[in-house]
Amino acid sequence: MEFHPLNFGLLCSILLALGCLLEGGSALGIRTHSGMPARKNQVRCAFLEKLKRSRITNSYVSSLSKASYDTYNYTQVLDHFAFTPESYQTFPQRYFIDKSNWGGAQNNSPIFVWLGEEQDITNDVESNFMIDQVANFKALVVYIEHRYYGTSMPFGGEEEAYANASTMGYFTIAQALADYAIVIVHLKKTLNAENCPVVVVGGSYGGMLATWFRLKYPHITIGALASSAPILYLDAIVPTNGYDSVVTEDLRDASEICYRRINESWDMMDKIASTPQGLLNLSKLFISLELNEISAPAGTTMFPPYFFDIKSYSRNCYLKYGVVPRRHWLTTEFGGHDIKRVLKDFGSNIIFSNGLRDPWSAGGVLANISESIVAITTDEGTHCLDIVQSASDDPAWPKEQRRKEITIVQKWINDYRNQF
């Protein structure tokens, strides 16, 4: 992907550091901008608190109730697409099942499947919107862990799985989607639930997986809910500075003074970096922020231009992992620059939900593509909050977003049942 992945956590750190630079720059021997009036710390802190409240925090998630589920391991094949001897190696793929509200196979009750993304699946199991909805739908809920995460490690463990290019060569999206397909088919057969409709759900990268799963395996799932899924943020389908543009809009809307300070900070940091101890002093403030070739921001964002050097990036990948990126493969495999046309012509029953305060929404589907491939957006929305378990103090927008999603999913299920 060609983007500058500046997240909110780093952004808050930058803002705190900028406060030190702009309100206490004398500590580094640099005067603050003469045209910038002094501001009190509480202004900056209030703004950071507003940012904090606008996204999902660990404390918020940990306060939510946990679902009732059983843990299983499926003996998964290492390579679904080759017939070499090593392809038949196996690893335990972890999944969880919540049967507490399921109406049963005899009633063709639905199965909701959460497609694990780039983390331990237990982080998803403990807090998601399906916990609130299973009783209404009388649904079986399944959470499948992504290969190479959590305990779903090939080759015996994390150290062995990530050892080299040979062991990591099976760490692909296509393999992960095939994993999910096989586990779902296995479960339906084991539970005599062949006629139970399956709806897949995912957020962020998991939402991208849910979208692609619906396209690749439409006979296995009747629909997909893809929350905050930046499927267009590939191969320059959308402007590569889209993420930074949304961050800029969010911050400017929340605090014009902070927007101006960040805009004016790059020249100051350039001056500091040019002094004998400048980079050292800046590193103490920013910790991990790289300060190579800082220049004044251009275009529509408050950040300096980000120069993506594919040759350098590929070289570093090779030195670290022994492979080079296949830059255009994802767009080749999943629809390319005509992904919207592909979705319209060949897809159906996909919900793309996005909050427009989420920087990743710059790569999301924000308008309806067809009658059954729909976009649900909200101006105040943040990253994946619609698929997090509801809380008593939720604002109105995630409640409305979830209501729309549930209504559409119910229609999918009704349409499916009407076939019998």
Protein backbone atom coordinates (compact mmCIF):
# COMPACT_ATOMS: atom_id res chain seq x y z
CA MET A 1 0.00 0.00 0.00
CA GLU A 2 1.24 3.50 -0.78
CA PHE A 3 0.34 5.60 2.23
CA HIS A 4 1.89 7.22 5.24
CA PRO A 5 0.41 5.23 8.15
CA LEU A 6 0.40 7.98 10.76
CA ASN A 7 -1.96 6.74 13.46
CA PHE A 8 -3.83 8.65 16.14
CA GLY A 9 -1.56 7.45 18.93
CA LEU A 10 1.52 8.83 17.19
CA LEU A 11 -0.42 11.93 16.25
CA CYS A 12 -1.27 12.64 19.88
CA SER A 13 2.39 12.20 20.79
CA ILE A 14 3.33 14.65 18.05
CA LEU A 15 0.80 17.18 19.32
CA LEU A 16 2.18 16.90 22.83
CA ALA A 17 5.68 17.36 21.50
CA LEU A 18 4.59 20.31 19.40
CA GLY A 19 3.22 21.85 22.53
CA CYS A 20 6.68 21.59 24.02
CA LEU A 21 8.21 23.05 20.87
CA LEU A 22 5.78 25.88 20.37
CA GLU A 23 4.99 26.78 23.96
CA GLY A 24 8.36 26.00 25.46
CA GLY A 25 10.75 26.14 22.54
CA SER A 26 13.30 28.04 24.57
CA ALA A 27 14.34 24.75 26.17
CA LEU A 28 15.87 23.84 22.82
CA GLY A 29 17.28 27.29 22.18
CA ILE A 30 14.65 28.09 19.52
CA ARG A 31 12.15 30.92 19.86
CA THR A 32 8.50 30.27 19.12
CA HIS A 33 6.87 31.96 16.16
CA SER A 34 6.38 35.61 17.05
CA GLY A 35 2.93 35.66 15.49
CA MET A 36 1.64 32.70 17.51
CA PRO A 37 -0.04 33.70 20.77
CA ALA A 38 0.77 31.65 23.86
CA ARG A 39 -1.84 29.10 24.89
CA LYS A 40 -2.37 27.31 28.17
CA ASN A 41 -1.77 23.61 28.61
CA GLN A 42 -5.43 22.91 29.29
CA VAL A 43 -6.31 23.92 25.71
CA ARG A 44 -3.97 21.31 24.31
CA CYS A 45 -5.07 18.71 26.85
CA ALA A 46 -8.75 19.35 26.13
CA PHE A 47 -8.10 18.85 22.44
CA LEU A 48 -6.20 15.62 23.03
CA GLU A 49 -9.01 14.40 25.24
CA LYS A 50 -11.46 15.11 22.43
CA LEU A 51 -9.32 13.05 20.09
CA LYS A 52 -9.16 10.28 22.66
CA ARG A 53 -12.93 10.15 22.95
CA SER A 54 -13.31 10.00 19.16
CA ARG A 55 -11.77 6.54 18.84
CA ILE A 56 -11.95 3.15 20.49
CA THR A 57 -9.65 2.91 23.49
CA ASN A 58 -8.39 -0.15 25.32
CA SER A 59 -10.12 0.91 28.52
CA TYR A 60 -13.41 1.19 26.63
CA VAL A 61 -13.08 -2.25 25.15
CA SER A 62 -11.97 -3.90 28.38
CA SER A 63 -15.03 -2.60 30.21
CA LEU A 64 -17.42 -4.49 27.94
CA SER A 65 -18.95 -7.85 28.76
CA LYS A 66 -17.48 -11.01 27.32
CA ALA A 67 -19.33 -13.51 25.19
CA SER A 68 -19.85 -17.13 26.14
CA TYR A 69 -17.86 -19.31 23.77
CA ASP A 70 -16.04 -22.62 23.39
CA THR A 71 -12.54 -22.93 21.94
CA TYR A 72 -11.62 -25.33 19.13
CA ASN A 73 -8.71 -26.02 16.80
CA TYR A 74 -9.11 -27.11 13.20
CA THR A 75 -6.23 -29.06 11.64
CA GLN A 76 -5.57 -26.74 8.74
CA VAL A 77 -3.53 -27.45 5.62
CA LEU A 78 -0.48 -25.26 5.15
CA ASP A 79 -0.89 -24.68 1.41
CA HIS A 80 -4.27 -24.88 -0.33
CA PHE A 81 -2.98 -24.27 -3.85
CA ALA A 82 -0.03 -26.58 -4.46
CA PHE A 83 0.59 -30.31 -4.40
CA THR A 84 4.18 -30.42 -3.20
CA PRO A 85 4.98 -32.61 -0.18
CA GLU A 86 5.37 -29.64 2.16
CA SER A 87 1.95 -28.32 1.12
CA TYR A 88 0.31 -31.08 3.13
CA GLN A 89 1.84 -29.99 6.41
CA THR A 90 -0.77 -28.85 8.92
CA PHE A 91 -1.15 -26.43 11.79
CA PRO A 92 -3.85 -25.87 14.44
CA GLN A 93 -6.15 -23.01 13.45
CA ARG A 94 -8.02 -21.66 16.44
CA TYR A 95 -11.67 -20.70 16.35
CA PHE A 96 -14.35 -19.91 18.89
CA ILE A 97 -18.05 -20.75 18.83
CA ASP A 98 -20.88 -19.15 20.80
CA LYS A 99 -23.87 -21.52 20.70
CA SER A 100 -25.80 -19.96 23.55
CA ASN A 101 -28.46 -18.29 21.38
CA TRP A 102 -28.45 -20.46 18.26
CA GLY A 103 -31.86 -21.52 17.01
CA GLY A 104 -30.38 -24.70 15.59
CA ALA A 105 -29.80 -26.27 12.21
CA GLN A 106 -33.35 -27.59 12.09
CA ASN A 107 -34.61 -24.00 11.90
CA ASN A 108 -31.99 -22.88 9.37
CA SER A 109 -30.84 -20.33 11.92
CA PRO A 110 -28.03 -18.09 10.67
CA ILE A 111 -24.33 -18.37 11.33
CA PHE A 112 -22.34 -15.16 11.84
CA VAL A 113 -18.63 -15.61 11.14
CA TRP A 114 -16.07 -13.05 12.30
CA LEU A 115 -13.04 -13.18 10.02
CA GLY A 116 -9.95 -12.62 12.12
CA GLU A 117 -7.56 -9.90 11.10
CA GLU A 118 -3.95 -9.08 11.98
CA GLN A 119 -4.13 -9.85 15.70
CA ASP A 120 -4.92 -12.49 18.30
CA ILE A 121 -8.58 -13.42 17.80
CA THR A 122 -9.38 -13.09 21.52
CA ASN A 123 -9.24 -9.31 21.06
CA ASP A 124 -12.26 -9.62 18.76
CA VAL A 125 -14.19 -12.22 20.73
CA GLU A 126 -14.41 -10.13 23.87
CA SER A 127 -16.10 -7.10 22.32
CA ASN A 128 -18.08 -6.93 19.10
CA PHE A 129 -21.55 -6.01 18.01
CA MET A 130 -22.53 -9.62 17.28
CA ILE A 131 -22.73 -10.19 21.04
CA ASP A 132 -25.69 -7.80 21.11
CA GLN A 133 -27.46 -9.31 18.09
CA VAL A 134 -27.17 -13.08 18.40
CA ALA A 135 -30.31 -13.39 20.53
CA ASN A 136 -32.43 -11.41 18.04
CA PHE A 137 -31.18 -13.47 15.11
CA LYS A 138 -30.92 -16.75 17.06
CA ALA A 139 -27.52 -17.00 15.45
CA LEU A 140 -24.51 -19.21 15.93
CA VAL A 141 -21.42 -17.02 16.20
CA VAL A 142 -18.01 -18.18 15.00
CA TYR A 143 -14.67 -16.36 15.30
CA ILE A 144 -11.83 -17.70 13.15
CA GLU A 145 -8.25 -16.66 13.82
CA HIS A 146 -6.06 -15.52 10.94
CA ARG A 147 -3.10 -17.78 10.20
CA TYR A 148 0.23 -16.54 11.65
CA TYR A 149 -1.54 -14.75 14.54
CA GLY A 150 -2.41 -15.76 18.08
CA THR A 151 -2.02 -19.50 18.47
CA SER A 152 -2.71 -20.27 14.80
CA MET A 153 0.97 -20.63 13.97
CA PRO A 154 2.34 -22.94 11.29
CA PHE A 155 5.63 -24.79 11.86
CA GLY A 156 5.10 -25.15 15.60
CA GLY A 157 5.22 -21.60 16.90
CA GLU A 158 5.73 -17.90 16.22
CA GLU A 159 9.52 -18.01 16.08
CA GLU A 160 9.48 -20.87 13.58
CA ALA A 161 6.62 -19.40 11.51
CA TYR A 162 8.38 -16.05 11.09
CA ALA A 163 11.85 -17.55 10.70
CA ASN A 164 12.51 -16.83 7.02
CA ALA A 165 11.03 -16.29 3.58
CA SER A 166 10.36 -20.00 3.15
CA THR A 167 8.23 -20.29 6.29
CA MET A 168 6.49 -16.96 5.70
CA GLY A 169 5.71 -17.77 2.09
CA TYR A 170 2.35 -19.22 3.16
CA PHE A 171 1.36 -15.99 4.92
CA THR A 172 -0.92 -14.66 2.18
CA ILE A 173 -4.44 -13.29 1.81
CA ALA A 174 -5.44 -16.05 -0.59
CA GLN A 175 -4.35 -18.72 1.90
CA ALA A 176 -6.21 -16.95 4.72
CA LEU A 177 -9.44 -16.75 2.72
CA ALA A 178 -9.17 -20.43 1.86
CA ASP A 179 -8.66 -21.21 5.56
CA TYR A 180 -11.92 -19.47 6.41
CA ALA A 181 -13.78 -21.25 3.63
CA ILE A 182 -12.61 -24.68 4.79
CA VAL A 183 -13.42 -24.04 8.46
CA ILE A 184 -16.92 -22.77 7.60
CA VAL A 185 -17.66 -25.76 5.35
CA HIS A 186 -16.35 -28.09 8.05
CA LEU A 187 -18.56 -26.52 10.71
CA LYS A 188 -21.69 -26.61 8.58
CA LYS A 189 -21.12 -30.27 7.84
CA THR A 190 -20.31 -31.15 11.45
CA LEU A 191 -23.39 -29.33 12.74
CA ASN A 192 -25.67 -30.63 9.95
CA ALA A 193 -26.18 -26.97 9.12
CA GLU A 194 -25.74 -27.03 5.34
CA ASN A 195 -28.90 -24.96 4.88
CA CYS A 196 -28.02 -22.34 7.49
CA PRO A 197 -27.12 -18.97 5.93
CA VAL A 198 -23.66 -17.60 6.71
CA VAL A 199 -22.88 -13.89 7.07
CA VAL A 200 -19.21 -12.88 7.34
CA VAL A 201 -18.11 -9.83 9.32
CA GLY A 202 -14.80 -8.02 9.55
CA GLY A 203 -13.29 -4.68 10.41
CA SER A 204 -10.42 -2.76 8.78
CA TYR A 205 -8.17 -5.42 7.17
CA GLY A 206 -10.77 -7.93 8.36
CA GLY A 207 -13.38 -5.93 6.45
CA MET A 208 -11.26 -6.19 3.32
CA LEU A 209 -11.11 -9.94 3.88
CA ALA A 210 -14.90 -10.08 4.30
CA THR A 211 -15.36 -8.24 1.00
CA TRP A 212 -12.96 -10.48 -0.89
CA PHE A 213 -14.42 -13.59 0.75
CA ARG A 214 -17.88 -12.70 -0.53
CA LEU A 215 -16.45 -12.24 -4.04
CA LYS A 216 -14.33 -15.42 -3.97
CA TYR A 217 -16.71 -17.74 -2.10
CA PRO A 218 -20.28 -16.52 -2.79
CA HIS A 219 -21.56 -20.09 -2.40
CA ILE A 220 -20.38 -20.17 1.22
CA THR A 221 -21.67 -16.83 2.50
CA ILE A 222 -24.87 -14.94 1.66
CA GLY A 223 -23.36 -11.57 2.51
CA ALA A 224 -20.56 -9.58 4.09
CA LEU A 225 -20.41 -6.67 6.53
CA ALA A 226 -17.15 -4.81 5.90
CA SER A 227 -16.53 -2.09 8.47
CA SER A 228 -13.86 0.56 7.82
CA ALA A 229 -12.44 -1.53 4.98
CA PRO A 230 -10.01 0.50 2.80
CA ILE A 231 -10.25 -1.75 -0.26
CA LEU A 232 -9.53 1.20 -2.57
CA TYR A 233 -6.31 2.12 -0.79
CA LEU A 234 -4.29 -0.11 -3.10
CA ASP A 235 -2.04 0.60 -6.04
CA ALA A 236 -2.93 4.32 -6.19
CA ILE A 237 -6.64 3.69 -6.89
CA VAL A 238 -7.30 6.69 -4.64
CA PRO A 239 -4.89 9.53 -3.80
CA THR A 240 -2.11 8.24 -1.58
CA ASN A 241 -2.34 11.23 0.76
CA GLY A 242 -5.98 10.49 1.56
CA TYR A 243 -5.21 9.25 5.06
CA ASP A 244 -3.28 12.41 5.95
CA SER A 245 -6.01 14.56 4.40
CA VAL A 246 -8.67 13.12 6.69
CA VAL A 247 -6.41 13.49 9.73
CA THR A 248 -5.86 17.11 8.73
CA GLU A 249 -9.61 17.75 8.39
CA ASP A 250 -10.32 16.08 11.74
CA LEU A 251 -7.73 18.14 13.58
CA ARG A 252 -8.67 21.40 11.92
CA ASP A 253 -12.31 20.82 12.79
CA ALA A 254 -11.39 20.11 16.40
CA SER A 255 -8.82 22.88 16.85
CA GLU A 256 -7.79 25.50 14.34
CA ILE A 257 -4.92 26.54 16.58
CA CYS A 258 -3.44 23.03 16.58
CA TYR A 259 -3.80 22.81 12.83
CA ARG A 260 -1.91 26.09 12.42
CA ARG A 261 0.77 25.06 14.87
CA ILE A 262 1.45 21.80 13.10
CA ASN A 263 1.51 23.57 9.76
CA GLU A 264 4.10 26.01 11.08
CA SER A 265 6.11 23.42 13.00
CA TRP A 266 7.96 21.81 10.11
CA ASP A 267 10.22 24.81 9.46
CA MET A 268 10.96 24.98 13.17
CA MET A 269 11.87 21.31 13.33
CA ASP A 270 14.04 21.74 10.26
CA LYS A 271 15.92 24.52 12.05
CA ILE A 272 16.31 22.39 15.18
CA ALA A 273 17.50 19.39 13.16
CA SER A 274 20.23 21.52 11.56
CA THR A 275 21.78 22.41 14.94
CA PRO A 276 24.59 20.23 16.44
CA GLN A 277 22.31 18.50 18.98
CA GLY A 278 19.09 19.10 17.09
CA LEU A 279 18.24 15.56 16.04
CA LEU A 280 19.07 14.26 19.50
CA ASN A 281 16.79 16.83 21.12
CA LEU A 282 13.99 16.09 18.69
CA SER A 283 14.37 12.36 19.18
CA LYS A 284 13.74 12.86 22.89
CA LEU A 285 10.45 14.52 22.06
CA PHE A 286 9.25 12.34 19.22
CA ILE A 287 10.89 9.03 20.16
CA SER A 288 10.34 7.16 16.88
CA LEU A 289 9.41 9.87 14.41
CA GLU A 290 11.81 9.93 11.48
CA LEU A 291 13.12 13.37 10.61
CA ASN A 292 14.85 12.83 7.32
CA GLU A 293 14.42 15.54 4.72
CA ILE A 294 11.74 17.49 6.56
CA SER A 295 10.23 20.13 4.33
CA ALA A 296 7.28 22.47 4.37
CA PRO A 297 3.91 20.76 3.81
CA ALA A 298 2.39 20.94 0.36
CA GLY A 299 -1.02 20.18 -1.01
CA THR A 300 -4.06 19.65 1.18
CA THR A 301 -2.55 18.14 4.33
CA MET A 302 -0.71 19.57 7.29
CA PHE A 303 2.07 17.00 6.95
CA PRO A 304 5.26 17.25 4.89
CA PRO A 305 5.26 15.42 1.57
CA TYR A 306 5.79 11.69 1.90
CA PHE A 307 8.03 10.31 -0.81
CA PHE A 308 7.39 6.61 -1.38
CA ASP A 309 10.43 5.01 -2.96
CA ILE A 310 9.36 1.57 -4.19
CA LYS A 311 12.93 0.58 -5.06
CA SER A 312 14.21 1.38 -1.58
CA TYR A 313 11.17 -0.26 -0.01
CA SER A 314 11.67 -3.42 -2.07
CA ARG A 315 15.36 -3.51 -1.22
CA ASN A 316 14.62 -3.26 2.49
CA CYS A 317 12.00 -6.01 2.21
CA TYR A 318 14.52 -8.27 0.55
CA LEU A 319 17.20 -7.56 3.14
CA LYS A 320 14.80 -8.20 6.01
CA TYR A 321 12.58 -10.99 4.67
CA GLY A 322 14.31 -12.35 1.57
CA VAL A 323 11.42 -11.41 -0.75
CA VAL A 324 10.31 -8.38 -2.75
CA PRO A 325 6.75 -7.00 -2.86
CA ARG A 326 4.39 -7.88 -5.68
CA ARG A 327 3.16 -4.33 -5.90
CA HIS A 328 0.25 -4.89 -8.29
CA TRP A 329 -0.87 -8.37 -7.29
CA LEU A 330 -3.76 -7.45 -4.97
CA THR A 331 -5.39 -5.29 -7.60
CA THR A 332 -4.85 -8.06 -10.16
CA GLU A 333 -6.42 -10.68 -7.93
CA PHE A 334 -9.32 -8.69 -6.50
CA GLY A 335 -10.51 -6.41 -9.27
CA GLY A 336 -7.83 -3.85 -9.94
CA HIS A 337 -8.62 -0.25 -10.64
CA ASP A 338 -12.07 -1.31 -11.83
CA ILE A 339 -13.01 -2.79 -8.45
CA LYS A 340 -16.27 -0.83 -8.31
CA ARG A 341 -17.30 -2.15 -11.71
CA VAL A 342 -16.28 -5.64 -10.66
CA LEU A 343 -18.39 -5.35 -7.52
CA LYS A 344 -21.36 -4.07 -9.51
CA ASP A 345 -21.12 -6.74 -12.21
CA PHE A 346 -20.16 -9.76 -10.12
CA GLY A 347 -20.87 -8.95 -6.48
CA SER A 348 -23.90 -8.68 -4.24
CA ASN A 349 -24.88 -8.38 -0.57
CA ILE A 350 -21.97 -6.37 0.81
CA ILE A 351 -22.25 -3.56 3.35
CA PHE A 352 -19.42 -1.03 3.41
CA SER A 353 -19.67 0.95 6.63
CA ASN A 354 -17.39 3.92 7.25
CA GLY A 355 -17.05 6.79 9.66
CA LEU A 356 -15.82 9.87 7.87
CA ARG A 357 -13.61 10.91 10.78
CA ASP A 358 -11.66 7.70 10.25
CA PRO A 359 -8.55 8.35 8.12
CA TRP A 360 -8.95 4.94 6.53
CA SER A 361 -12.28 6.05 5.08
CA ALA A 362 -10.24 7.76 2.36
CA GLY A 363 -9.79 4.29 0.88
CA GLY A 364 -13.29 3.04 1.59
CA VAL A 365 -16.40 2.63 -0.55
CA LEU A 366 -18.50 5.67 0.38
CA ALA A 367 -21.38 5.44 -2.11
CA ASN A 368 -23.80 2.71 -3.09
CA ILE A 369 -22.54 0.56 -5.96
CA SER A 370 -25.73 -1.37 -6.60
CA GLU A 371 -29.02 -2.16 -4.90
CA SER A 372 -27.36 -4.80 -2.73
CA ILE A 373 -23.82 -3.39 -2.40
CA VAL A 374 -24.41 -0.43 -0.17
CA ALA A 375 -22.40 2.17 1.69
CA ILE A 376 -23.38 3.33 5.17
CA THR A 377 -21.47 6.41 6.26
CA THR A 378 -21.68 8.80 9.16
CA ASP A 379 -20.00 12.17 9.48
CA GLU A 380 -18.96 11.63 13.10
CA GLY A 381 -17.96 7.99 12.72
CA THR A 382 -14.60 6.55 13.71
CA HIS A 383 -12.70 3.37 12.91
CA CYS A 384 -14.80 0.19 13.27
CA LEU A 385 -16.87 1.52 16.17
CA ASP A 386 -20.08 0.30 14.54
CA ILE A 387 -18.99 -3.33 14.98
CA VAL A 388 -17.88 -2.93 18.58
CA GLN A 389 -20.31 -4.05 21.26
CA SER A 390 -22.72 -1.28 22.18
CA ALA A 391 -22.37 0.69 25.40
CA SER A 392 -24.84 2.76 27.39
CA ASP A 393 -23.06 6.02 26.56
CA ASP A 394 -22.80 5.41 22.81
CA PRO A 395 -23.61 8.51 20.75
CA ALA A 396 -26.50 8.42 18.30
CA TRP A 397 -24.45 7.77 15.17
CA PRO A 398 -23.19 4.22 15.91
CA LYS A 399 -26.68 3.24 17.06
CA GLU A 400 -28.14 4.38 13.74
CA GLN A 401 -25.31 2.79 11.79
CA ARG A 402 -25.87 -0.56 13.51
CA ARG A 403 -29.65 -0.31 13.02
CA LYS A 404 -29.18 0.08 9.27
CA GLU A 405 -26.71 -2.80 9.13
CA ILE A 406 -29.00 -5.12 11.08
CA THR A 407 -31.96 -4.28 8.85
CA ILE A 408 -29.98 -5.15 5.72
CA VAL A 409 -28.59 -8.39 7.18
CA GLN A 410 -32.10 -9.43 8.20
CA LYS A 411 -33.26 -8.88 4.62
CA TRP A 412 -30.45 -11.10 3.33
CA ILE A 413 -31.54 -13.86 5.68
CA ASN A 414 -35.21 -13.47 4.79
CA ASP A 415 -34.44 -13.57 1.07
CA TYR A 416 -32.36 -16.69 1.58
CA ARG A 417 -35.09 -18.46 3.53
CA ASN A 418 -37.70 -17.55 0.92
CA GLN A 419 -35.86 -19.77 -1.54
CA PHE A 420 -36.96 -22.88 0.36
